[in-house]
C-alpha atoms as a PDB file:
ATOM      1  CA  MET A   1      84.223 104.711  85.827  1.00  0.00           C
ATOM      2  CA  ILE A   2      84.348 105.207  89.466  1.00  0.00           C
ATOM      3  CA  THR A   3      86.245 103.293  92.003  1.00  0.00           C
ATOM      4  CA  LEU A   4      85.921 103.553  95.842  1.00  0.00           C
ATOM      5  CA  THR A   5      87.968 102.281  98.173  1.00  0.00           C
ATOM      6  CA  ARG A   6      88.186 102.460 101.955  1.00  0.00           C
ATOM      7  CA  THR A   7      91.787 103.523 103.078  1.00  0.00           C
ATOM      8  CA  GLY A   8      93.651 105.489 105.647  1.00  0.00           C
ATOM      9  CA  ALA A   9      94.931 104.287 108.961  1.00  0.00           C
ATOM     10  CA  SER A  10      91.515 103.617 110.549  1.00  0.00           C
ATOM     11  CA  GLU A  11      89.962 102.505 107.220  1.00  0.00           C
ATOM     12  CA  ASN A  12      87.834 105.422 107.372  1.00  0.00           C
ATOM     13  CA  VAL A  13      89.042 107.760 104.556  1.00  0.00           C
ATOM     14  CA  ALA A  14      86.905 106.946 101.169  1.00  0.00           C
ATOM     15  CA  LEU A  15      89.391 107.389  98.208  1.00  0.00           C
ATOM     16  CA  VAL A  16      87.164 107.843  94.953  1.00  0.00           C
ATOM     17  CA  THR A  17      88.953 107.628  91.915  1.00  0.00           C
ATOM     18  CA  LEU A  18      87.505 108.854  88.520  1.00  0.00           C
ATOM     19  CA  ASN A  19      88.335 105.868  86.629  1.00  0.00           C
ATOM     20  CA  ARG A  20      88.003 106.516  82.217  1.00  0.00           C
ATOM     21  CA  PRO A  21      91.635 106.263  81.573  1.00  0.00           C
ATOM     22  CA  ASN A  22      91.010 106.040  77.671  1.00  0.00           C
ATOM     23  CA  ALA A  23      89.176 109.890  77.419  1.00  0.00           C
ATOM     24  CA  LEU A  24      91.434 110.779  80.099  1.00  0.00           C
ATOM     25  CA  ASN A  25      88.377 110.957  82.926  1.00  0.00           C
ATOM     26  CA  ALA A  26      86.532 113.218  80.816  1.00  0.00           C
ATOM     27  CA  LEU A  27      83.715 114.087  82.367  1.00  0.00           C
ATOM     28  CA  CYS A  28      80.237 112.206  80.474  1.00  0.00           C
ATOM     29  CA  ARG A  29      76.872 111.688  81.844  1.00  0.00           C
ATOM     30  CA  GLN A  30      77.211 108.024  83.284  1.00  0.00           C
ATOM     31  CA  LEU A  31      80.837 109.314  84.799  1.00  0.00           C
ATOM     32  CA  MET A  32      79.059 111.773  86.759  1.00  0.00           C
ATOM     33  CA  GLN A  33      76.234 109.765  87.495  1.00  0.00           C
ATOM     34  CA  GLU A  34      78.085 107.117  89.222  1.00  0.00           C
ATOM     35  CA  LEU A  35      80.140 109.762  91.220  1.00  0.00           C
ATOM     36  CA  SER A  36      76.730 111.396  92.327  1.00  0.00           C
ATOM     37  CA  GLU A  37      75.737 108.151  93.671  1.00  0.00           C
ATOM     38  CA  THR A  38      78.917 107.138  95.190  1.00  0.00           C
ATOM     39  CA  LEU A  39      79.513 110.575  96.949  1.00  0.00           C
ATOM     40  CA  LEU A  40      75.984 110.301  98.414  1.00  0.00           C
ATOM     41  CA  THR A  41      76.919 106.745  99.386  1.00  0.00           C
ATOM     42  CA  VAL A  42      79.840 107.961 101.289  1.00  0.00           C
ATOM     43  CA  GLU A  43      77.986 110.657 102.756  1.00  0.00           C
ATOM     44  CA  LYS A  44      75.400 108.277 104.254  1.00  0.00           C
ATOM     45  CA  ASP A  45      77.554 106.169 105.512  1.00  0.00           C
ATOM     46  CA  ASP A  46      79.436 107.313 109.069  1.00  0.00           C
ATOM     47  CA  SER A  47      82.629 104.888 109.126  1.00  0.00           C
ATOM     48  CA  TYR A  48      83.570 107.504 106.205  1.00  0.00           C
ATOM     49  CA  ARG A  49      85.040 110.548 107.919  1.00  0.00           C
ATOM     50  CA  VAL A  50      86.518 112.463 104.967  1.00  0.00           C
ATOM     51  CA  ILE A  51      86.753 111.909 101.478  1.00  0.00           C
ATOM     52  CA  VAL A  52      89.778 112.166  98.622  1.00  0.00           C
ATOM     53  CA  LEU A  53      88.880 112.594  95.120  1.00  0.00           C
ATOM     54  CA  THR A  54      91.311 112.010  92.539  1.00  0.00           C
ATOM     55  CA  GLY A  55      92.012 110.961  88.862  1.00  0.00           C
ATOM     56  CA  SER A  56      94.839 108.942  87.411  1.00  0.00           C
ATOM     57  CA  GLU A  57      98.612 110.475  87.477  1.00  0.00           C
ATOM     58  CA  LYS A  58      98.001 111.688  84.009  1.00  0.00           C
ATOM     59  CA  ALA A  59      94.916 113.138  84.283  1.00  0.00           C
ATOM     60  CA  PHE A  60      92.111 113.976  87.409  1.00  0.00           C
ATOM     61  CA  ALA A  61      89.564 115.065  84.499  1.00  0.00           C
ATOM     62  CA  ALA A  62      90.077 116.714  81.240  1.00  0.00           C
ATOM     63  CA  GLY A  63      86.891 118.416  81.110  1.00  0.00           C
ATOM     64  CA  ALA A  64      83.410 117.404  79.854  1.00  0.00           C
ATOM     65  CA  ASP A  65      82.968 115.150  77.198  1.00  0.00           C
ATOM     66  CA  ILE A  66      82.957 117.220  74.115  1.00  0.00           C
ATOM     67  CA  LYS A  67      81.788 114.555  71.837  1.00  0.00           C
ATOM     68  CA  GLU A  68      78.989 114.019  74.135  1.00  0.00           C
ATOM     69  CA  MET A  69      78.083 117.700  74.268  1.00  0.00           C
ATOM     70  CA  ALA A  70      78.633 118.876  70.682  1.00  0.00           C
ATOM     71  CA  LYS A  71      75.189 117.426  69.233  1.00  0.00           C
ATOM     72  CA  LEU A  72      72.840 119.234  71.902  1.00  0.00           C
ATOM     73  CA  GLU A  73      71.246 121.918  71.140  1.00  0.00           C
ATOM     74  CA  PHE A  74      69.773 124.541  73.502  1.00  0.00           C
ATOM     75  CA  ALA A  75      66.462 123.117  74.363  1.00  0.00           C
ATOM     76  CA  ASP A  76      68.202 120.024  75.182  1.00  0.00           C
ATOM     77  CA  VAL A  77      70.559 121.467  77.732  1.00  0.00           C
ATOM     78  CA  PHE A  78      67.944 123.777  79.210  1.00  0.00           C
ATOM     79  CA  GLN A  79      65.096 121.771  79.301  1.00  0.00           C
ATOM     80  CA  ASN A  80      66.987 118.396  80.680  1.00  0.00           C
ATOM     81  CA  ASP A  81      68.595 120.717  82.761  1.00  0.00           C
ATOM     82  CA  PHE A  82      72.131 119.458  81.519  1.00  0.00           C
ATOM     83  CA  PHE A  83      74.671 119.275  84.956  1.00  0.00           C
ATOM     84  CA  THR A  84      72.081 117.676  86.977  1.00  0.00           C
ATOM     85  CA  ASN A  85      73.602 116.113  89.897  1.00  0.00           C
ATOM     86  CA  TRP A  86      77.071 117.188  88.429  1.00  0.00           C
ATOM     87  CA  ASP A  87      77.444 119.583  91.711  1.00  0.00           C
ATOM     88  CA  THR A  88      76.577 117.034  94.130  1.00  0.00           C
ATOM     89  CA  LEU A  89      80.101 117.227  94.890  1.00  0.00           C
ATOM     90  CA  SER A  90      79.210 120.847  96.446  1.00  0.00           C
ATOM     91  CA  ARG A  91      76.114 119.519  98.728  1.00  0.00           C
ATOM     92  CA  ILE A  92      78.444 117.169 100.522  1.00  0.00           C
ATOM     93  CA  THR A  93      78.630 117.693 104.358  1.00  0.00           C
ATOM     94  CA  LYS A  94      82.203 115.474 104.718  1.00  0.00           C
ATOM     95  CA  PRO A  95      85.535 117.133 103.709  1.00  0.00           C
ATOM     96  CA  VAL A  96      86.700 116.471 100.396  1.00  0.00           C
ATOM     97  CA  ILE A  97      90.247 116.726  99.350  1.00  0.00           C
ATOM     98  CA  ALA A  98      91.041 116.834  95.772  1.00  0.00           C
ATOM     99  CA  ALA A  99      94.071 115.291  94.892  1.00  0.00           C
ATOM    100  CA  VAL A 100      94.942 116.476  91.309  1.00  0.00           C
ATOM    101  CA  ASN A 101      97.258 115.030  88.762  1.00  0.00           C
ATOM    102  CA  GLY A 102      97.831 115.998  85.520  1.00  0.00           C
ATOM    103  CA  PHE A 103      95.118 117.781  83.425  1.00  0.00           C
ATOM    104  CA  ALA A 104      92.271 119.290  85.048  1.00  0.00           C
ATOM    105  CA  LEU A 105      90.838 121.350  82.728  1.00  0.00           C
ATOM    106  CA  GLY A 106      87.260 122.923  82.537  1.00  0.00           C
ATOM    107  CA  GLY A 107      84.972 120.648  84.251  1.00  0.00           C
ATOM    108  CA  GLY A 108      88.202 118.891  85.945  1.00  0.00           C
ATOM    109  CA  THR A 109      88.624 122.468  87.537  1.00  0.00           C
ATOM    110  CA  GLU A 110      85.493 122.927  88.323  1.00  0.00           C
ATOM    111  CA  LEU A 111      85.264 119.807  90.278  1.00  0.00           C
ATOM    112  CA  ALA A 112      88.510 120.457  92.118  1.00  0.00           C
ATOM    113  CA  LEU A 113      86.995 124.190  93.220  1.00  0.00           C
ATOM    114  CA  MET A 114      84.196 121.939  94.837  1.00  0.00           C
ATOM    115  CA  CYS A 115      86.255 120.425  96.514  1.00  0.00           C
ATOM    116  CA  ASP A 116      87.500 121.556 100.527  1.00  0.00           C
ATOM    117  CA  ILE A 117      91.130 121.603  99.859  1.00  0.00           C
ATOM    118  CA  VAL A 118      93.016 120.810  96.999  1.00  0.00           C
ATOM    119  CA  TYR A 119      96.370 119.143  96.791  1.00  0.00           C
ATOM    120  CA  ALA A 120      98.359 119.179  93.508  1.00  0.00           C
ATOM    121  CA  GLY A 121     101.088 116.954  91.827  1.00  0.00           C
ATOM    122  CA  GLU A 122     103.751 118.713  90.391  1.00  0.00           C
ATOM    123  CA  ASN A 123     102.460 117.553  86.688  1.00  0.00           C
ATOM    124  CA  ALA A 124      99.172 119.740  87.162  1.00  0.00           C
ATOM    125  CA  VAL A 125      97.757 121.777  84.998  1.00  0.00           C
ATOM    126  CA  PHE A 126      94.777 123.538  85.586  1.00  0.00           C
ATOM    127  CA  GLY A 127      92.362 125.892  83.378  1.00  0.00           C
ATOM    128  CA  GLN A 128      89.186 127.225  81.884  1.00  0.00           C
ATOM    129  CA  PRO A 129      89.063 126.399  77.842  1.00  0.00           C
ATOM    130  CA  GLU A 130      85.547 126.656  77.247  1.00  0.00           C
ATOM    131  CA  ILE A 131      85.646 129.780  75.271  1.00  0.00           C
ATOM    132  CA  ASN A 132      87.844 128.219  72.838  1.00  0.00           C
ATOM    133  CA  ILE A 133      84.963 126.125  71.585  1.00  0.00           C
ATOM    134  CA  GLY A 134      82.496 128.773  71.978  1.00  0.00           C
ATOM    135  CA  THR A 135      80.645 128.412  75.473  1.00  0.00           C
ATOM    136  CA  ILE A 136      81.738 129.344  79.006  1.00  0.00           C
ATOM    137  CA  PRO A 137      82.477 127.282  82.238  1.00  0.00           C
ATOM    138  CA  GLY A 138      78.822 126.079  83.513  1.00  0.00           C
ATOM    139  CA  LEU A 139      79.934 124.310  86.638  1.00  0.00           C
ATOM    140  CA  GLY A 140      81.237 127.152  88.779  1.00  0.00           C
ATOM    141  CA  GLY A 141      84.345 128.530  87.023  1.00  0.00           C
ATOM    142  CA  THR A 142      83.212 131.869  86.485  1.00  0.00           C
ATOM    143  CA  GLN A 143      82.010 132.117  90.231  1.00  0.00           C
ATOM    144  CA  ARG A 144      84.499 129.914  92.065  1.00  0.00           C
ATOM    145  CA  TRP A 145      87.637 131.111  90.513  1.00  0.00           C
ATOM    146  CA  PRO A 146      87.072 134.943  91.426  1.00  0.00           C
ATOM    147  CA  ARG A 147      85.769 134.021  95.161  1.00  0.00           C
ATOM    148  CA  PHE A 148      89.113 131.777  95.524  1.00  0.00           C
ATOM    149  CA  THR A 149      91.360 134.176  93.521  1.00  0.00           C
ATOM    150  CA  SER A 150      91.026 137.338  92.498  1.00  0.00           C
ATOM    151  CA  LYS A 151      88.549 138.880  89.688  1.00  0.00           C
ATOM    152  CA  SER A 152      91.807 139.295  87.311  1.00  0.00           C
ATOM    153  CA  ILE A 153      92.870 135.706  87.384  1.00  0.00           C
ATOM    154  CA  ALA A 154      89.087 134.421  86.972  1.00  0.00           C
ATOM    155  CA  MET A 155      88.758 136.848  83.774  1.00  0.00           C
ATOM    156  CA  GLU A 156      92.151 135.856  82.535  1.00  0.00           C
ATOM    157  CA  LEU A 157      91.605 132.231  82.599  1.00  0.00           C
ATOM    158  CA  CYS A 158      87.924 132.244  81.340  1.00  0.00           C
ATOM    159  CA  LEU A 159      88.472 134.603  78.364  1.00  0.00           C
ATOM    160  CA  THR A 160      91.848 133.174  77.422  1.00  0.00           C
ATOM    161  CA  GLY A 161      91.526 129.679  77.917  1.00  0.00           C
ATOM    162  CA  ASP A 162      95.019 130.038  79.435  1.00  0.00           C
ATOM    163  CA  LYS A 163      96.121 127.046  81.300  1.00  0.00           C
ATOM    164  CA  ILE A 164      98.431 127.410  84.859  1.00  0.00           C
ATOM    165  CA  SER A 165     100.455 124.896  86.496  1.00  0.00           C
ATOM    166  CA  ALA A 166     100.399 123.560  89.835  1.00  0.00           C
ATOM    167  CA  GLN A 167     102.594 125.938  91.193  1.00  0.00           C
ATOM    168  CA  ASP A 168     100.871 129.108  89.722  1.00  0.00           C
ATOM    169  CA  ALA A 169      97.796 127.312  91.061  1.00  0.00           C
ATOM    170  CA  LYS A 170      99.013 127.541  94.369  1.00  0.00           C
ATOM    171  CA  GLU A 171     100.348 130.894  93.985  1.00  0.00           C
ATOM    172  CA  VAL A 172      96.788 132.505  93.527  1.00  0.00           C
ATOM    173  CA  GLY A 173      95.567 130.447  96.423  1.00  0.00           C
ATOM    174  CA  LEU A 174      94.006 127.702  94.496  1.00  0.00           C
ATOM    175  CA  VAL A 175      95.999 124.755  95.660  1.00  0.00           C
ATOM    176  CA  SER A 176      97.351 124.560  99.534  1.00  0.00           C
ATOM    177  CA  LYS A 177     100.107 122.568  98.673  1.00  0.00           C
ATOM    178  CA  VAL A 178     102.298 120.706  95.730  1.00  0.00           C
ATOM    179  CA  PHE A 179     104.185 117.171  95.934  1.00  0.00           C
ATOM    180  CA  PRO A 180     105.670 114.823  93.540  1.00  0.00           C
ATOM    181  CA  THR A 181     103.316 113.306  91.282  1.00  0.00           C
ATOM    182  CA  GLN A 182     103.405 109.710  92.836  1.00  0.00           C
ATOM    183  CA  GLN A 183     103.137 110.857  96.534  1.00  0.00           C
ATOM    184  CA  LEU A 184     100.615 113.094  95.978  1.00  0.00           C
ATOM    185  CA  VAL A 185      97.708 110.357  96.720  1.00  0.00           C
ATOM    186  CA  SER A 186      99.033 109.408  99.957  1.00  0.00           C
ATOM    187  CA  GLU A 187      99.709 112.706 100.894  1.00  0.00           C
ATOM    188  CA  ALA A 188      96.234 113.595 100.608  1.00  0.00           C
ATOM    189  CA  VAL A 189      94.934 110.389 102.383  1.00  0.00           C
ATOM    190  CA  LEU A 190      97.405 111.709 105.541  1.00  0.00           C
ATOM    191  CA  LEU A 191      96.238 115.076 105.273  1.00  0.00           C
ATOM    192  CA  ALA A 192      92.429 113.206 105.587  1.00  0.00           C
ATOM    193  CA  ASP A 193      94.153 110.860 108.301  1.00  0.00           C
ATOM    194  CA  ARG A 194      94.533 114.142 110.709  1.00  0.00           C
ATOM    195  CA  ILE A 195      91.252 115.517 109.795  1.00  0.00           C
ATOM    196  CA  ALA A 196      89.445 112.162 110.775  1.00  0.00           C
ATOM    197  CA  LYS A 197      91.217 111.978 113.833  1.00  0.00           C
ATOM    198  CA  ASN A 198      88.975 115.190 114.954  1.00  0.00           C
ATOM    199  CA  SER A 199      85.157 114.961 116.287  1.00  0.00           C
ATOM    200  CA  PRO A 200      82.993 114.533 112.961  1.00  0.00           C
ATOM    201  CA  LEU A 201      80.474 117.028 114.304  1.00  0.00           C
ATOM    202  CA  ILE A 202      82.795 119.227 114.920  1.00  0.00           C
ATOM    203  CA  VAL A 203      84.598 118.919 111.399  1.00  0.00           C
ATOM    204  CA  LYS A 204      80.984 119.126 109.873  1.00  0.00           C
ATOM    205  CA  THR A 205      80.570 122.803 111.930  1.00  0.00           C
ATOM    206  CA  VAL A 206      84.099 124.095 110.721  1.00  0.00           C
ATOM    207  CA  LYS A 207      83.226 123.322 107.385  1.00  0.00           C
ATOM    208  CA  ASN A 208      80.016 125.166 107.654  1.00  0.00           C
ATOM    209  CA  SER A 209      81.395 128.023 109.210  1.00  0.00           C
ATOM    210  CA  VAL A 210      84.352 128.612 106.352  1.00  0.00           C
ATOM    211  CA  ASN A 211      81.994 127.912 103.760  1.00  0.00           C
ATOM    212  CA  SER A 212      79.665 130.592 105.044  1.00  0.00           C
ATOM    213  CA  ALA A 213      82.688 133.121 104.399  1.00  0.00           C
ATOM    214  CA  TYR A 214      82.201 132.867 100.483  1.00  0.00           C
ATOM    215  CA  GLU A 215      78.260 133.552 100.366  1.00  0.00           C
ATOM    216  CA  THR A 216      77.867 136.322 103.528  1.00  0.00           C
ATOM    217  CA  SER A 217      79.431 139.899 104.104  1.00  0.00           C
ATOM    218  CA  LEU A 218      81.965 139.740 106.903  1.00  0.00           C
ATOM    219  CA  ASN A 219      79.617 141.068 109.707  1.00  0.00           C
ATOM    220  CA  GLN A 220      77.296 138.448 108.484  1.00  0.00           C
ATOM    221  CA  GLY A 221      80.071 135.599 108.586  1.00  0.00           C
ATOM    222  CA  LEU A 222      81.334 136.430 112.006  1.00  0.00           C
ATOM    223  CA  GLN A 223      77.619 136.310 113.364  1.00  0.00           C
ATOM    224  CA  ILE A 224      77.106 132.904 111.765  1.00  0.00           C
ATOM    225  CA  GLU A 225      80.771 131.669 113.134  1.00  0.00           C
ATOM    226  CA  LYS A 226      80.015 132.874 116.800  1.00  0.00           C
ATOM    227  CA  GLN A 227      76.524 131.037 116.898  1.00  0.00           C
ATOM    228  CA  LEU A 228      78.418 128.129 115.658  1.00  0.00           C
ATOM    229  CA  PHE A 229      80.767 128.527 118.546  1.00  0.00           C
ATOM    230  CA  HIS A 230      78.116 128.677 120.970  1.00  0.00           C
ATOM    231  CA  SER A 231      76.367 125.814 119.645  1.00  0.00           C
ATOM    232  CA  THR A 232      79.469 123.657 120.235  1.00  0.00           C
ATOM    233  CA  PHE A 233      78.837 123.946 123.821  1.00  0.00           C
ATOM    234  CA  ALA A 234      75.895 122.122 123.613  1.00  0.00           C
ATOM    235  CA  THR A 235      77.740 119.194 122.356  1.00  0.00           C
ATOM    236  CA  ASN A 236      79.315 116.091 124.343  1.00  0.00           C
ATOM    237  CA  ASP A 237      82.232 116.153 121.976  1.00  0.00           C
ATOM    238  CA  ARG A 238      83.237 119.673 122.919  1.00  0.00           C
ATOM    239  CA  ARG A 239      83.260 119.068 126.629  1.00  0.00           C
ATOM    240  CA  GLU A 240      84.925 115.447 126.051  1.00  0.00           C
ATOM    241  CA  GLY A 241      87.781 117.117 124.020  1.00  0.00           C
ATOM    242  CA  MET A 242      88.499 120.071 126.620  1.00  0.00           C
ATOM    243  CA  THR A 243      88.127 117.420 129.541  1.00  0.00           C
ATOM    244  CA  ALA A 244      90.832 115.332 127.592  1.00  0.00           C
ATOM    245  CA  PHE A 245      92.855 118.244 126.891  1.00  0.00           C
ATOM    246  CA  ALA A 246      92.963 119.001 130.764  1.00  0.00           C
ATOM    247  CA  GLU A 247      93.336 115.394 131.702  1.00  0.00           C
ATOM    248  CA  LYS A 248      96.250 114.829 128.963  1.00  0.00           C
ATOM    249  CA  ARG A 249      94.569 112.514 127.052  1.00  0.00           C
ATOM    250  CA  ALA A 250      93.097 111.570 123.947  1.00  0.00           C
ATOM    251  CA  PRO A 251      89.890 112.335 123.452  1.00  0.00           C
ATOM    252  CA  LYS A 252      87.047 109.671 122.488  1.00  0.00           C
ATOM    253  CA  TRP A 253      84.426 111.441 120.264  1.00  0.00           C
ATOM    254  CA  THR A 254      80.752 110.259 119.946  1.00  0.00           C
ATOM    255  CA  SER A 255      79.466 112.831 117.570  1.00  0.00           C
ATOM    256  CA  ASN A 256      77.032 114.327 119.974  1.00  0.00           C
END
């Protein structure tokens, strides 16, 4: 259900593909367990610098597997902590680029929201249709939408179950760029290559700093940013980067 491919110019990009085509990559427990395990494997492997998460041209992920969920009761989901490990993606410290083609609905949209950068194919469709089946988003849909876009957008999508196109998703700030469907993954890998050329240590620091903006006040965030900036001056990579710039050569990162 999950395919891991090493790609990129230096083969340090992990292309993680959701592969459950008969169900439009609907998120079942097995698929999400495999995704969690794959992500943790990539996280621990220093030869991978950046992750690209994608599905098929028809569907990134059409949502949670409703057939699997329909038979569950409150006690089942509460006592067994339904969605355990489904949010592993949000705890990965390496940059994650979502390459979204086709349907990204419900949990599919929420997976994209957990990523650091979202690229979309022209045929991508996002939405939170949970209200139409008598429930609410459970993987961050009601929380990340208002932080990344606005309260109005979040309310409209979550209260109606309406879908939005790739271009509309770009206009409201969910998506960075939109590409022709067949070019999407290669464009995401090119972006991953650009990021992978930088110091992994500093890349991780940048990710920490940007993420803090969604969890703190502006003043707190500015203090975190300043502290992280100061901390880079204790690293060899900061010294190497500035020296290489002055000497007009490419830097040689050591991640320390």
